C-alpha cells in the first residue's frame, strides 16, 4: 500500500437515528486490504474502511462503511460508500 493516510473525503450521509441527511467531511484513518486485481499499469488494490461519525442534528454516533481503491500504485482512484 502506498496511499497516504488519513484520506479526507466528503459525502452525503443519512443518520439512522433521525433520518436527517447532511454533508459530512471526514477523514478515513484506517483501511484494510480486501482485494487485488492485476491491470495494465500494475495492481489495483481495494481496501475497506469503517469510521465513526456524529449526526449534527441529533448527536447520534454511528459507523459508516466504504471502500477505497488505489490504482495505479500510490494513486487514490475512487472512494465508494456502502
Protein backbone atom coordinates (compact mmCIF):
# COMPACT_ATOMS: atom_id res chain seq x y z
CA UNK A 1 0.00 0.00 0.00
CA UNK A 2 1.33 3.35 -1.00
CA UNK A 3 -1.67 5.51 -0.09
CA UNK A 4 -1.06 8.24 2.46
CA UNK A 5 -3.40 8.19 5.43
CA UNK A 6 -5.55 9.84 6.58
CA UNK A 7 -7.63 10.40 3.43
CA UNK A 8 -10.01 13.39 3.51
CA UNK A 9 -13.42 12.74 2.00
CA UNK A 10 -16.86 14.32 1.92
CA UNK A 11 -20.18 12.57 1.33
CA UNK A 12 -23.89 12.98 1.92
CA UNK A 13 -24.85 10.81 4.89
CA UNK A 14 -28.24 9.92 6.36
CA UNK A 15 -28.49 9.49 10.11
CA UNK A 16 -30.02 6.10 11.04
CA UNK A 17 -31.49 7.64 14.20
CA UNK A 18 -33.31 10.79 12.98
CA UNK A 19 -33.14 10.27 9.17
CA UNK A 20 -31.54 13.71 8.70
CA UNK A 21 -29.38 13.93 5.56
CA UNK A 22 -26.24 16.01 5.88
CA UNK A 23 -22.94 16.62 4.13
CA UNK A 24 -20.05 15.27 6.13
CA UNK A 25 -16.35 15.98 5.76
CA UNK A 26 -14.40 13.21 7.46
CA UNK A 27 -11.03 11.51 7.46
CA UNK A 28 -10.50 7.86 6.61
CA UNK A 29 -7.95 6.91 9.27
CA UNK A 30 -7.53 3.17 8.78
CA UNK A 31 -8.04 0.88 5.80
CA UNK A 32 -7.96 -2.91 5.49
CA UNK A 33 -6.86 -4.68 2.31
CA UNK A 34 -9.70 -6.64 0.70
CA UNK A 35 -8.87 -7.30 -2.96
CA UNK A 36 -6.14 -7.08 -5.60
CA UNK A 37 -6.71 -7.14 -9.36
CA UNK A 38 -3.92 -7.13 -11.92
CA UNK A 39 -4.36 -4.42 -14.53
CA UNK A 40 -2.29 -2.89 -17.31
CA UNK A 41 -0.43 -0.39 -15.09
CA UNK A 42 0.07 -2.82 -12.19
CA UNK A 43 -2.14 -3.97 -9.34
CA UNK A 44 -5.43 -2.31 -8.44
CA UNK A 45 -5.85 -2.53 -4.68
CA UNK A 46 -9.20 -2.47 -2.88
CA UNK A 47 -9.50 -1.56 0.80
CA UNK A 48 -12.43 -1.30 3.20
CA UNK A 49 -12.93 1.22 5.97
CA UNK A 50 -15.24 1.88 8.89
CA UNK A 51 -15.36 5.31 10.52
CA UNK A 52 -17.33 6.65 13.46
CA UNK A 53 -19.35 9.82 12.73
CA UNK A 54 -21.79 12.00 14.64
CA UNK A 55 -25.07 13.44 13.38
CA UNK A 56 -25.03 17.25 13.68
CA UNK A 57 -28.82 17.27 14.23
CA UNK A 58 -29.38 14.68 16.99
CA UNK A 59 -25.75 13.95 18.07
CA UNK A 60 -26.24 10.22 17.43
CA UNK A 61 -22.90 8.45 16.87
CA UNK A 62 -22.83 5.73 14.21
CA UNK A 63 -20.45 3.95 11.83
CA UNK A 64 -20.14 4.49 8.11
CA UNK A 65 -18.52 1.93 5.82
CA UNK A 66 -16.97 2.10 2.41
CA UNK A 67 -14.23 1.12 0.01
CA UNK A 68 -11.09 2.88 -1.18
CA UNK A 69 -9.48 1.90 -4.48
CA UNK A 70 -5.82 2.53 -5.33
CA UNK A 71 -4.75 2.45 -8.98
CA UNK A 72 -2.10 2.80 -10.18
CA UNK A 73 0.03 2.19 -7.10
CA UNK A 74 0.07 5.23 -4.85
CA UNK A 75 -2.87 6.97 -6.58
CA UNK A 76 -6.30 7.23 -5.00
CA UNK A 77 -8.65 6.04 -7.76
CA UNK A 78 -12.03 6.38 -6.02
CA UNK A 79 -13.96 6.08 -2.77
CA UNK A 80 -17.32 4.35 -2.54
CA UNK A 81 -19.70 4.42 0.41
CA UNK A 82 -21.77 1.33 1.30
